[in-house]
Amino acid sequence: MDKISIIVPVYNVAPTIRKCLDSIINQTFDNLEILLIDDGSTDGCGMICDEYSQNDSRVRVFHKENGGLSSALNVGLRNFTGDHIGFIDSDDWLEPDMYEVLYSLVKQYNISIGVVNYFIDTDSGSVARVNKEKVPEGVLSQKEMLTIPLKRDYYYGFSGYVWNKLWSAEIFRNNDFSFDENIGFGMDMLFYYTVVVNGKCNGAYSEEPYYHYYQRSSSISFADPEKNTDALIVYQRIINILESNGFEDLSIWAKRYYCYFGSLFAEYAILRKDSKTLTEMKEKMKLYLNEYLVTNREFPDRIKRIAGLLDG
């Protein structure tokens, strides 16, 4: 049986790390290599990782100085030995048969990337994502793998995240792919598009949810979003990747999100009475305003919001 290498970056998640690791070691697919990358944790997570490695020979622990999420993921990419790769955030957890389902998808369709739906979990409950439109069954072409995550209003349960997927290790052995350590927000989306475009990846999707994505109220993406202007860099790079590789028709959707994030940062600038940043963000919104309007025809409230920001 093939081996799956699971890469888990760990940093100061002592309250949730055991739930995450238990959900991995108890997978029904048990031929696993579990790489725990302790990114300089100061809350005892490193000792918890060592404890799991002493009790389960499948667990390998790497301790490193704190360098951020991307640097931890890259340690995993440099050290895996399996035939397939999975990524898991250390405050999330899995249904017991997630990797069995993903492995079956990959083997049944002989594809590069298997994808499953997921749950959004908060302290108040768990809700499965529901797609407005059905993801096609069977093999998804490279172009479909690029299109679906950009049409988030229709395909909530697919996404450009790395963690609800099983990736063929051959993609990484044949290419020098890594996470950009200079990007603090949106690095997974950039990684996904870099790999799918340059690795010429196809895929397949399971509508059933198996991954539990825990949204902490204190996470940076919710508590301090004005710091995440990396999103503009990420989407501009995705635009460039698509347009330089023959997918110009898809770049309209990436331009939509560039404009959207510009509008978010404009709102934060208004709250902070930061006129300089507001002016800068208005100019960024105007870069792809036409694409935003075209792709949001079904959402007049969004168009009204953008117009108000630009006129204000």
C-alpha atoms as a PDB file:
ATOM      1  CA  MET A   1       0.000   0.000   0.000  1.00  0.00           C
ATOM      2  CA  ASP A   2       1.186   3.538  -0.745  1.00  0.00           C
ATOM      3  CA  LYS A   3       2.321   5.722   2.129  1.00  0.00           C
ATOM      4  CA  ILE A   4       0.807   9.125   2.909  1.00  0.00           C
ATOM      5  CA  SER A   5       3.030  11.791   4.455  1.00  0.00           C
ATOM      6  CA  ILE A   6       1.051  14.268   6.563  1.00  0.00           C
ATOM      7  CA  ILE A   7       2.724  17.604   7.290  1.00  0.00           C
ATOM      8  CA  VAL A   8       1.522  19.416  10.423  1.00  0.00           C
ATOM      9  CA  PRO A   9       3.005  22.841  11.274  1.00  0.00           C
ATOM     10  CA  VAL A  10       2.752  23.416  15.031  1.00  0.00           C
ATOM     11  CA  TYR A  11       3.002  26.719  16.874  1.00  0.00           C
ATOM     12  CA  ASN A  12       1.516  27.482  20.308  1.00  0.00           C
ATOM     13  CA  VAL A  13      -1.667  25.413  19.951  1.00  0.00           C
ATOM     14  CA  ALA A  14      -1.460  23.420  23.188  1.00  0.00           C
ATOM     15  CA  PRO A  15      -5.251  23.508  23.786  1.00  0.00           C
ATOM     16  CA  THR A  16      -6.033  21.869  20.408  1.00  0.00           C
ATOM     17  CA  ILE A  17      -2.965  19.898  19.342  1.00  0.00           C
ATOM     18  CA  ARG A  18      -3.984  16.593  20.955  1.00  0.00           C
ATOM     19  CA  LYS A  19      -7.387  16.602  19.280  1.00  0.00           C
ATOM     20  CA  CYS A  20      -5.679  17.234  15.952  1.00  0.00           C
ATOM     21  CA  LEU A  21      -3.027  14.533  16.391  1.00  0.00           C
ATOM     22  CA  ASP A  22      -5.488  11.953  17.720  1.00  0.00           C
ATOM     23  CA  SER A  23      -7.629  12.443  14.623  1.00  0.00           C
ATOM     24  CA  ILE A  24      -4.558  11.730  12.465  1.00  0.00           C
ATOM     25  CA  ILE A  25      -3.146   8.687  14.228  1.00  0.00           C
ATOM     26  CA  ASN A  26      -6.617   7.080  14.352  1.00  0.00           C
ATOM     27  CA  GLN A  27      -7.223   7.322  10.597  1.00  0.00           C
ATOM     28  CA  THR A  28      -8.631   4.161   9.003  1.00  0.00           C
ATOM     29  CA  PHE A  29      -5.868   4.541   6.421  1.00  0.00           C
ATOM     30  CA  ASP A  30      -2.928   3.798   8.692  1.00  0.00           C
ATOM     31  CA  ASN A  31       0.137   3.648   6.426  1.00  0.00           C
ATOM     32  CA  LEU A  32       1.095   7.161   7.424  1.00  0.00           C
ATOM     33  CA  GLU A  33       4.190   9.233   7.986  1.00  0.00           C
ATOM     34  CA  ILE A  34       3.277  12.122  10.313  1.00  0.00           C
ATOM     35  CA  LEU A  35       5.706  15.034  10.216  1.00  0.00           C
ATOM     36  CA  LEU A  36       5.211  17.459  13.115  1.00  0.00           C
ATOM     37  CA  ILE A  37       7.075  20.714  12.565  1.00  0.00           C
ATOM     38  CA  ASP A  38       7.423  22.538  15.890  1.00  0.00           C
ATOM     39  CA  ASP A  39       7.979  26.150  14.815  1.00  0.00           C
ATOM     40  CA  GLY A  40       9.574  27.360  18.058  1.00  0.00           C
ATOM     41  CA  SER A  41       6.504  26.862  20.255  1.00  0.00           C
ATOM     42  CA  THR A  42       6.710  28.336  23.754  1.00  0.00           C
ATOM     43  CA  ASP A  43       3.615  26.725  25.299  1.00  0.00           C
ATOM     44  CA  GLY A  44       4.751  23.108  25.562  1.00  0.00           C
ATOM     45  CA  CYS A  45       3.629  21.974  22.113  1.00  0.00           C
ATOM     46  CA  GLY A  46       7.128  20.720  21.342  1.00  0.00           C
ATOM     47  CA  MET A  47       7.000  18.323  24.307  1.00  0.00           C
ATOM     48  CA  ILE A  48       3.543  17.122  23.256  1.00  0.00           C
ATOM     49  CA  CYS A  49       4.898  16.388  19.764  1.00  0.00           C
ATOM     50  CA  ASP A  50       7.801  14.434  21.285  1.00  0.00           C
ATOM     51  CA  GLU A  51       5.360  12.470  23.425  1.00  0.00           C
ATOM     52  CA  TYR A  52       3.410  11.386  20.338  1.00  0.00           C
ATOM     53  CA  SER A  53       6.605  10.371  18.531  1.00  0.00           C
ATOM     54  CA  GLN A  54       7.619   8.173  21.488  1.00  0.00           C
ATOM     55  CA  ASN A  55       4.243   6.413  21.417  1.00  0.00           C
ATOM     56  CA  ASP A  56       3.828   6.040  17.641  1.00  0.00           C
ATOM     57  CA  SER A  57       6.685   5.117  15.300  1.00  0.00           C
ATOM     58  CA  ARG A  58       4.916   6.836  12.383  1.00  0.00           C
ATOM     59  CA  VAL A  59       5.459  10.269  13.979  1.00  0.00           C
ATOM     60  CA  ARG A  60       8.580  12.287  13.139  1.00  0.00           C
ATOM     61  CA  VAL A  61       9.223  15.578  14.965  1.00  0.00           C
ATOM     62  CA  PHE A  62      11.267  18.538  13.724  1.00  0.00           C
ATOM     63  CA  HIS A  63      12.048  21.364  16.141  1.00  0.00           C
ATOM     64  CA  LYS A  64      13.054  24.704  14.614  1.00  0.00           C
ATOM     65  CA  GLU A  65      13.308  28.372  15.504  1.00  0.00           C
ATOM     66  CA  ASN A  66      10.146  30.321  14.874  1.00  0.00           C
ATOM     67  CA  GLY A  67      10.010  31.317  11.231  1.00  0.00           C
ATOM     68  CA  GLY A  68       6.312  31.367  10.386  1.00  0.00           C
ATOM     69  CA  LEU A  69       3.814  28.995   8.876  1.00  0.00           C
ATOM     70  CA  SER A  70       5.372  28.836   5.401  1.00  0.00           C
ATOM     71  CA  SER A  71       8.827  28.016   6.743  1.00  0.00           C
ATOM     72  CA  ALA A  72       7.386  25.178   8.836  1.00  0.00           C
ATOM     73  CA  LEU A  73       5.512  23.744   5.859  1.00  0.00           C
ATOM     74  CA  ASN A  74       8.683  23.901   3.794  1.00  0.00           C
ATOM     75  CA  VAL A  75      10.545  21.802   6.378  1.00  0.00           C
ATOM     76  CA  GLY A  76       7.898  19.145   5.828  1.00  0.00           C
ATOM     77  CA  LEU A  77       8.250  19.361   2.043  1.00  0.00           C
ATOM     78  CA  ARG A  78      12.000  18.859   2.349  1.00  0.00           C
ATOM     79  CA  ASN A  79      11.692  15.781   4.556  1.00  0.00           C
ATOM     80  CA  PHE A  80       8.679  13.693   3.492  1.00  0.00           C
ATOM     81  CA  THR A  81       9.177  10.154   2.166  1.00  0.00           C
ATOM     82  CA  GLY A  82       5.649   9.119   1.182  1.00  0.00           C
ATOM     83  CA  ASP A  83       3.852   8.575  -2.110  1.00  0.00           C
ATOM     84  CA  HIS A  84       1.218  11.207  -1.331  1.00  0.00           C
ATOM     85  CA  ILE A  85       1.178  14.340   0.829  1.00  0.00           C
ATOM     86  CA  GLY A  86      -1.442  15.866   3.088  1.00  0.00           C
ATOM     87  CA  PHE A  87      -1.309  19.125   5.036  1.00  0.00           C
ATOM     88  CA  ILE A  88      -3.175  19.752   8.302  1.00  0.00           C
ATOM     89  CA  ASP A  89      -3.416  22.885  10.443  1.00  0.00           C
ATOM     90  CA  SER A  90      -2.666  22.000  14.055  1.00  0.00           C
ATOM     91  CA  ASP A  91      -5.894  23.453  15.456  1.00  0.00           C
ATOM     92  CA  ASP A  92      -8.065  21.473  13.001  1.00  0.00           C
ATOM     93  CA  TRP A  93      -9.115  17.827  13.013  1.00  0.00           C
ATOM     94  CA  LEU A  94     -10.284  15.075  10.652  1.00  0.00           C
ATOM     95  CA  GLU A  95     -13.085  12.594  10.240  1.00  0.00           C
ATOM     96  CA  PRO A  96     -11.625   9.088  10.820  1.00  0.00           C
ATOM     97  CA  ASP A  97     -11.825   8.009   7.165  1.00  0.00           C
ATOM     98  CA  MET A  98     -10.724  11.213   5.428  1.00  0.00           C
ATOM     99  CA  TYR A  99      -7.470   9.849   4.042  1.00  0.00           C
ATOM    100  CA  GLU A 100      -9.062   6.552   3.080  1.00  0.00           C
ATOM    101  CA  VAL A 101     -11.597   8.479   1.005  1.00  0.00           C
ATOM    102  CA  LEU A 102      -8.942  10.739  -0.527  1.00  0.00           C
ATOM    103  CA  TYR A 103      -6.668   7.798  -1.337  1.00  0.00           C
ATOM    104  CA  SER A 104      -9.582   5.981  -3.003  1.00  0.00           C
ATOM    105  CA  LEU A 105     -10.284   9.068  -5.126  1.00  0.00           C
ATOM    106  CA  VAL A 106      -6.664   9.334  -6.229  1.00  0.00           C
ATOM    107  CA  LYS A 107      -6.375   5.650  -7.105  1.00  0.00           C
ATOM    108  CA  GLN A 108      -9.795   5.362  -8.762  1.00  0.00           C
ATOM    109  CA  TYR A 109      -9.219   8.263 -11.140  1.00  0.00           C
ATOM    110  CA  ASN A 110      -5.402   8.244 -11.333  1.00  0.00           C
ATOM    111  CA  ILE A 111      -5.219  11.955 -10.549  1.00  0.00           C
ATOM    112  CA  SER A 112      -2.715  14.439  -9.116  1.00  0.00           C
ATOM    113  CA  ILE A 113      -4.896  15.913  -6.340  1.00  0.00           C
ATOM    114  CA  GLY A 114      -7.867  14.497  -4.440  1.00  0.00           C
ATOM    115  CA  VAL A 115     -10.191  17.011  -2.763  1.00  0.00           C
ATOM    116  CA  VAL A 116     -12.936  16.636  -0.132  1.00  0.00           C
ATOM    117  CA  ASN A 117     -15.498  19.030   1.263  1.00  0.00           C
ATOM    118  CA  TYR A 118     -15.067  20.403   4.796  1.00  0.00           C
ATOM    119  CA  PHE A 119     -16.784  21.736   7.914  1.00  0.00           C
ATOM    120  CA  ILE A 120     -16.448  25.217   9.375  1.00  0.00           C
ATOM    121  CA  ASP A 121     -16.066  24.774  13.134  1.00  0.00           C
ATOM    122  CA  THR A 122     -16.354  27.493  15.757  1.00  0.00           C
ATOM    123  CA  ASP A 123     -16.811  27.421  19.500  1.00  0.00           C
ATOM    124  CA  SER A 124     -20.568  27.426  18.904  1.00  0.00           C
ATOM    125  CA  GLY A 125     -20.826  24.523  16.476  1.00  0.00           C
ATOM    126  CA  SER A 126     -19.919  22.791  13.222  1.00  0.00           C
ATOM    127  CA  VAL A 127     -21.440  23.506   9.795  1.00  0.00           C
ATOM    128  CA  ALA A 128     -20.700  21.641   6.568  1.00  0.00           C
ATOM    129  CA  ARG A 129     -19.947  23.762   3.516  1.00  0.00           C
ATOM    130  CA  VAL A 130     -22.594  23.512   0.787  1.00  0.00           C
ATOM    131  CA  ASN A 131     -21.813  24.192  -2.860  1.00  0.00           C
ATOM    132  CA  LYS A 132     -24.402  26.231  -4.765  1.00  0.00           C
ATOM    133  CA  GLU A 133     -23.427  24.422  -7.943  1.00  0.00           C
ATOM    134  CA  LYS A 134     -22.406  20.791  -8.206  1.00  0.00           C
ATOM    135  CA  VAL A 135     -18.745  20.080  -8.789  1.00  0.00           C
ATOM    136  CA  PRO A 136     -18.490  17.735 -11.803  1.00  0.00           C
ATOM    137  CA  GLU A 137     -18.000  14.077 -10.954  1.00  0.00           C
ATOM    138  CA  GLY A 138     -15.000  12.083 -12.120  1.00  0.00           C
ATOM    139  CA  VAL A 139     -11.740  13.587 -13.310  1.00  0.00           C
ATOM    140  CA  LEU A 140     -11.466  17.373 -13.140  1.00  0.00           C
ATOM    141  CA  SER A 141      -9.224  18.867 -15.808  1.00  0.00           C
ATOM    142  CA  GLN A 142      -6.410  21.250 -14.964  1.00  0.00           C
ATOM    143  CA  LYS A 143      -8.587  24.159 -16.095  1.00  0.00           C
ATOM    144  CA  GLU A 144     -11.459  23.035 -13.862  1.00  0.00           C
ATOM    145  CA  MET A 145      -9.036  22.752 -10.928  1.00  0.00           C
ATOM    146  CA  LEU A 146      -8.049  26.369 -11.581  1.00  0.00           C
ATOM    147  CA  THR A 147     -11.567  27.682 -12.169  1.00  0.00           C
ATOM    148  CA  ILE A 148     -13.506  26.201  -9.254  1.00  0.00           C
ATOM    149  CA  PRO A 149     -11.572  27.767  -6.315  1.00  0.00           C
ATOM    150  CA  LEU A 150     -11.873  31.216  -7.912  1.00  0.00           C
ATOM    151  CA  LYS A 151     -15.670  30.887  -8.141  1.00  0.00           C
ATOM    152  CA  ARG A 152     -16.142  30.767  -4.396  1.00  0.00           C
ATOM    153  CA  ASP A 153     -19.739  31.990  -4.476  1.00  0.00           C
ATOM    154  CA  TYR A 154     -20.705  28.762  -6.224  1.00  0.00           C
ATOM    155  CA  TYR A 155     -18.207  26.237  -4.819  1.00  0.00           C
ATOM    156  CA  TYR A 156     -17.829  26.945  -1.102  1.00  0.00           C
ATOM    157  CA  GLY A 157     -16.650  23.437  -0.277  1.00  0.00           C
ATOM    158  CA  PHE A 158     -13.710  23.152  -2.692  1.00  0.00           C
ATOM    159  CA  SER A 159     -11.442  26.145  -1.984  1.00  0.00           C
ATOM    160  CA  GLY A 160      -7.783  26.842  -2.668  1.00  0.00           C
ATOM    161  CA  TYR A 161      -6.735  25.698   0.793  1.00  0.00           C
ATOM    162  CA  VAL A 162      -4.086  22.986   0.962  1.00  0.00           C
ATOM    163  CA  TRP A 163      -5.512  20.971   3.851  1.00  0.00           C
ATOM    164  CA  ASN A 164      -8.640  19.333   2.373  1.00  0.00           C
ATOM    165  CA  LYS A 165      -6.561  17.672  -0.326  1.00  0.00           C
ATOM    166  CA  LEU A 166      -4.242  14.735  -1.010  1.00  0.00           C
ATOM    167  CA  TRP A 167      -1.354  15.608  -3.315  1.00  0.00           C
ATOM    168  CA  SER A 168       0.728  13.229  -5.413  1.00  0.00           C
ATOM    169  CA  ALA A 169       4.308  13.301  -4.139  1.00  0.00           C
ATOM    170  CA  GLU A 170       5.540  13.112  -7.718  1.00  0.00           C
ATOM    171  CA  ILE A 171       4.406  16.706  -8.213  1.00  0.00           C
ATOM    172  CA  PHE A 172       6.972  17.835  -5.650  1.00  0.00           C
ATOM    173  CA  ARG A 173       9.729  15.419  -6.581  1.00  0.00           C
ATOM    174  CA  ASN A 174       9.623  16.628 -10.181  1.00  0.00           C
ATOM    175  CA  ASN A 175       9.353  20.348  -9.342  1.00  0.00           C
ATOM    176  CA  ASP A 176      10.909  22.713  -6.831  1.00  0.00           C
ATOM    177  CA  PHE A 177       7.654  23.891  -5.244  1.00  0.00           C
ATOM    178  CA  SER A 178       7.593  25.568  -1.844  1.00  0.00           C
ATOM    179  CA  PHE A 179       5.533  28.026   0.191  1.00  0.00           C
ATOM    180  CA  ASP A 180       6.610  31.665  -0.093  1.00  0.00           C
ATOM    181  CA  GLU A 181       8.091  32.539   3.304  1.00  0.00           C
ATOM    182  CA  ASN A 182       7.653  36.264   2.652  1.00  0.00           C
ATOM    183  CA  ILE A 183       3.857  35.948   2.444  1.00  0.00           C
ATOM    184  CA  GLY A 184       1.970  35.965   5.730  1.00  0.00           C
ATOM    185  CA  PHE A 185      -1.609  35.744   4.429  1.00  0.00           C
ATOM    186  CA  GLY A 186      -2.948  33.811   1.444  1.00  0.00           C
ATOM    187  CA  MET A 187       0.161  31.673   0.983  1.00  0.00           C
ATOM    188  CA  ASP A 188      -1.972  28.561   0.532  1.00  0.00           C
ATOM    189  CA  MET A 189      -3.897  30.047  -2.398  1.00  0.00           C
ATOM    190  CA  LEU A 190      -0.660  31.151  -4.056  1.00  0.00           C
ATOM    191  CA  PHE A 191       0.857  27.707  -3.471  1.00  0.00           C
ATOM    192  CA  TYR A 192      -2.211  25.978  -4.922  1.00  0.00           C
ATOM    193  CA  TYR A 193      -2.169  27.997  -8.152  1.00  0.00           C
ATOM    194  CA  THR A 194       1.595  27.712  -8.544  1.00  0.00           C
ATOM    195  CA  VAL A 195       1.435  23.918  -8.207  1.00  0.00           C
ATOM    196  CA  VAL A 196      -1.689  23.273 -10.304  1.00  0.00           C
ATOM    197  CA  VAL A 197      -0.471  25.479 -13.173  1.00  0.00           C
ATOM    198  CA  ASN A 198       3.159  24.422 -13.279  1.00  0.00           C
ATOM    199  CA  GLY A 199       2.534  20.822 -12.228  1.00  0.00           C
ATOM    200  CA  LYS A 200      -0.276  20.489 -14.799  1.00  0.00           C
ATOM    201  CA  CYS A 201      -2.458  18.898 -12.117  1.00  0.00           C
ATOM    202  CA  ASN A 202      -5.858  17.291 -12.569  1.00  0.00           C
ATOM    203  CA  GLY A 203      -8.087  16.145  -9.720  1.00  0.00           C
ATOM    204  CA  ALA A 204     -11.353  14.747  -8.369  1.00  0.00           C
ATOM    205  CA  TYR A 205     -13.738  15.840  -5.618  1.00  0.00           C
ATOM    206  CA  SER A 206     -15.897  14.258  -2.932  1.00  0.00           C
ATOM    207  CA  GLU A 207     -18.995  16.230  -1.952  1.00  0.00           C
ATOM    208  CA  GLU A 208     -18.956  14.749   1.573  1.00  0.00           C
ATOM    209  CA  PRO A 209     -17.145  16.825   4.233  1.00  0.00           C
ATOM    210  CA  TYR A 210     -14.280  15.185   6.119  1.00  0.00           C
ATOM    211  CA  TYR A 211     -12.043  18.041   7.333  1.00  0.00           C
ATOM    212  CA  HIS A 212     -12.902  20.250  10.326  1.00  0.00           C
ATOM    213  CA  TYR A 213     -11.589  23.781   9.802  1.00  0.00           C
ATOM    214  CA  TYR A 214     -11.586  25.531  13.178  1.00  0.00           C
ATOM    215  CA  GLN A 215     -11.976  29.306  13.059  1.00  0.00           C
ATOM    216  CA  ARG A 216     -10.630  30.866  16.211  1.00  0.00           C
ATOM    217  CA  SER A 217     -12.048  34.279  17.050  1.00  0.00           C
ATOM    218  CA  SER A 218      -8.499  35.386  17.837  1.00  0.00           C
ATOM    219  CA  SER A 219      -6.956  34.273  14.546  1.00  0.00           C
ATOM    220  CA  ILE A 220      -5.128  37.016  12.629  1.00  0.00           C
ATOM    221  CA  SER A 221      -7.420  36.773   9.607  1.00  0.00           C
ATOM    222  CA  PHE A 222     -10.386  37.772  11.778  1.00  0.00           C
ATOM    223  CA  ALA A 223      -8.916  39.874  14.571  1.00  0.00           C
ATOM    224  CA  ASP A 224      -6.503  42.035  12.610  1.00  0.00           C
ATOM    225  CA  PRO A 225      -7.383  41.881   8.904  1.00  0.00           C
ATOM    226  CA  GLU A 226      -5.894  45.261   8.068  1.00  0.00           C
ATOM    227  CA  LYS A 227      -2.434  43.676   8.438  1.00  0.00           C
ATOM    228  CA  ASN A 228      -3.177  41.179   5.697  1.00  0.00           C
ATOM    229  CA  THR A 229      -2.494  43.317   2.645  1.00  0.00           C
ATOM    230  CA  ASP A 230      -0.392  40.378   1.436  1.00  0.00           C
ATOM    231  CA  ALA A 231      -3.662  39.297  -0.188  1.00  0.00           C
ATOM    232  CA  LEU A 232      -3.149  41.952  -2.864  1.00  0.00           C
ATOM    233  CA  ILE A 233       0.326  40.610  -3.613  1.00  0.00           C
ATOM    234  CA  VAL A 234      -1.016  37.047  -3.710  1.00  0.00           C
ATOM    235  CA  TYR A 235      -3.824  37.777  -6.151  1.00  0.00           C
ATOM    236  CA  GLN A 236      -1.628  39.879  -8.421  1.00  0.00           C
ATOM    237  CA  ARG A 237       0.796  36.978  -8.593  1.00  0.00           C
ATOM    238  CA  ILE A 238      -2.043  34.557  -9.330  1.00  0.00           C
ATOM    239  CA  ILE A 239      -3.200  36.892 -12.116  1.00  0.00           C
ATOM    240  CA  ASN A 240       0.327  36.855 -13.534  1.00  0.00           C
ATOM    241  CA  ILE A 241       0.581  33.047 -13.261  1.00  0.00           C
ATOM    242  CA  LEU A 242      -2.708  32.540 -15.096  1.00  0.00           C
ATOM    243  CA  GLU A 243      -2.042  35.094 -17.835  1.00  0.00           C
ATOM    244  CA  SER A 244       1.490  33.880 -18.524  1.00  0.00           C
ATOM    245  CA  ASN A 245       0.374  30.247 -18.846  1.00  0.00           C
ATOM    246  CA  GLY A 246      -2.519  30.508 -21.273  1.00  0.00           C
ATOM    247  CA  PHE A 247      -5.379  30.970 -18.773  1.00  0.00           C
ATOM    248  CA  GLU A 248      -6.102  34.638 -19.476  1.00  0.00           C
ATOM    249  CA  ASP A 249      -9.856  33.974 -19.439  1.00  0.00           C
ATOM    250  CA  LEU A 250      -9.655  32.859 -15.793  1.00  0.00           C
ATOM    251  CA  SER A 251      -7.708  35.871 -14.575  1.00  0.00           C
ATOM    252  CA  ILE A 252     -10.929  37.921 -14.455  1.00  0.00           C
ATOM    253  CA  TRP A 253     -11.894  35.979 -11.316  1.00  0.00           C
ATOM    254  CA  ALA A 254      -8.553  36.625  -9.634  1.00  0.00           C
ATOM    255  CA  LYS A 255      -8.906  40.310 -10.531  1.00  0.00           C
ATOM    256  CA  ARG A 256     -12.280  40.274  -8.840  1.00  0.00           C
ATOM    257  CA  TYR A 257     -10.670  39.189  -5.564  1.00  0.00           C
ATOM    258  CA  TYR A 258      -7.869  41.708  -5.917  1.00  0.00           C
ATOM    259  CA  CYS A 259     -10.496  44.452  -6.101  1.00  0.00           C
ATOM    260  CA  TYR A 260     -12.448  42.900  -3.232  1.00  0.00           C
ATOM    261  CA  PHE A 261      -9.453  42.850  -0.881  1.00  0.00           C
ATOM    262  CA  GLY A 262      -8.614  46.401  -1.895  1.00  0.00           C
ATOM    263  CA  SER A 263     -12.121  47.363  -0.809  1.00  0.00           C
ATOM    264  CA  LEU A 264     -11.696  45.636   2.563  1.00  0.00           C
ATOM    265  CA  PHE A 265      -8.495  47.511   3.250  1.00  0.00           C
ATOM    266  CA  ALA A 266     -10.215  50.729   2.160  1.00  0.00           C
ATOM    267  CA  GLU A 267     -12.888  50.128   4.805  1.00  0.00           C
ATOM    268  CA  TYR A 268     -10.234  49.542   7.471  1.00  0.00           C
ATOM    269  CA  ALA A 269      -8.495  52.758   6.399  1.00  0.00           C
ATOM    270  CA  ILE A 270     -11.773  54.641   6.847  1.00  0.00           C
ATOM    271  CA  LEU A 271     -12.147  53.223  10.365  1.00  0.00           C
ATOM    272  CA  ARG A 272      -8.615  54.335  11.208  1.00  0.00           C
ATOM    273  CA  LYS A 273      -9.066  57.730   9.508  1.00  0.00           C
ATOM    274  CA  ASP A 274      -6.050  56.824   7.358  1.00  0.00           C
ATOM    275  CA  SER A 275      -6.573  58.988   4.283  1.00  0.00           C
ATOM    276  CA  LYS A 276      -3.264  58.016   2.662  1.00  0.00           C
ATOM    277  CA  THR A 277      -4.049  54.296   2.700  1.00  0.00           C
ATOM    278  CA  LEU A 278      -7.633  54.970   1.620  1.00  0.00           C
ATOM    279  CA  THR A 279      -6.419  56.847  -1.454  1.00  0.00           C
ATOM    280  CA  GLU A 280      -3.956  54.041  -2.238  1.00  0.00           C
ATOM    281  CA  MET A 281      -6.633  51.360  -1.922  1.00  0.00           C
ATOM    282  CA  LYS A 282      -9.061  53.273  -4.114  1.00  0.00           C
ATOM    283  CA  GLU A 283      -6.435  53.276  -6.866  1.00  0.00           C
ATOM    284  CA  LYS A 284      -5.922  49.548  -6.434  1.00  0.00           C
ATOM    285  CA  MET A 285      -9.671  48.921  -6.608  1.00  0.00           C
ATOM    286  CA  LYS A 286      -9.859  50.891  -9.871  1.00  0.00           C
ATOM    287  CA  LEU A 287      -7.222  48.638 -11.471  1.00  0.00           C
ATOM    288  CA  TYR A 288      -9.718  45.815 -11.830  1.00  0.00           C
ATOM    289  CA  LEU A 289     -13.021  47.564 -11.187  1.00  0.00           C
ATOM    290  CA  ASN A 290     -14.517  46.491 -14.521  1.00  0.00           C
ATOM    291  CA  GLU A 291     -13.717  42.841 -13.795  1.00  0.00           C
ATOM    292  CA  TYR A 292     -15.268  43.186 -10.353  1.00  0.00           C
ATOM    293  CA  LEU A 293     -18.474  44.640 -11.802  1.00  0.00           C
ATOM    294  CA  VAL A 294     -18.749  41.953 -14.493  1.00  0.00           C
ATOM    295  CA  THR A 295     -18.258  39.045 -12.077  1.00  0.00           C
ATOM    296  CA  ASN A 296     -20.671  40.460  -9.477  1.00  0.00           C
ATOM    297  CA  ARG A 297     -23.683  41.125 -11.689  1.00  0.00           C
ATOM    298  CA  GLU A 298     -25.700  38.724  -9.539  1.00  0.00           C
ATOM    299  CA  PHE A 299     -24.808  40.687  -6.401  1.00  0.00           C
ATOM    300  CA  PRO A 300     -26.066  44.309  -6.697  1.00  0.00           C
ATOM    301  CA  ASP A 301     -25.335  44.991  -3.004  1.00  0.00           C
ATOM    302  CA  ARG A 302     -21.638  44.371  -3.644  1.00  0.00           C
ATOM    303  CA  ILE A 303     -21.599  46.753  -6.576  1.00  0.00           C
ATOM    304  CA  LYS A 304     -23.372  49.398  -4.488  1.00  0.00           C
ATOM    305  CA  ARG A 305     -20.815  48.932  -1.696  1.00  0.00           C
ATOM    306  CA  ILE A 306     -17.854  49.355  -4.055  1.00  0.00           C
ATOM    307  CA  ALA A 307     -19.400  52.457  -5.625  1.00  0.00           C
ATOM    308  CA  GLY A 308     -19.900  53.972  -2.182  1.00  0.00           C
ATOM    309  CA  LEU A 309     -16.283  53.394  -1.217  1.00  0.00           C
ATOM    310  CA  LEU A 310     -14.989  54.924  -4.426  1.00  0.00           C
ATOM    311  CA  ASP A 311     -17.281  57.938  -4.163  1.00  0.00           C
ATOM    312  CA  GLY A 312     -16.681  58.513  -0.470  1.00  0.00           C
END
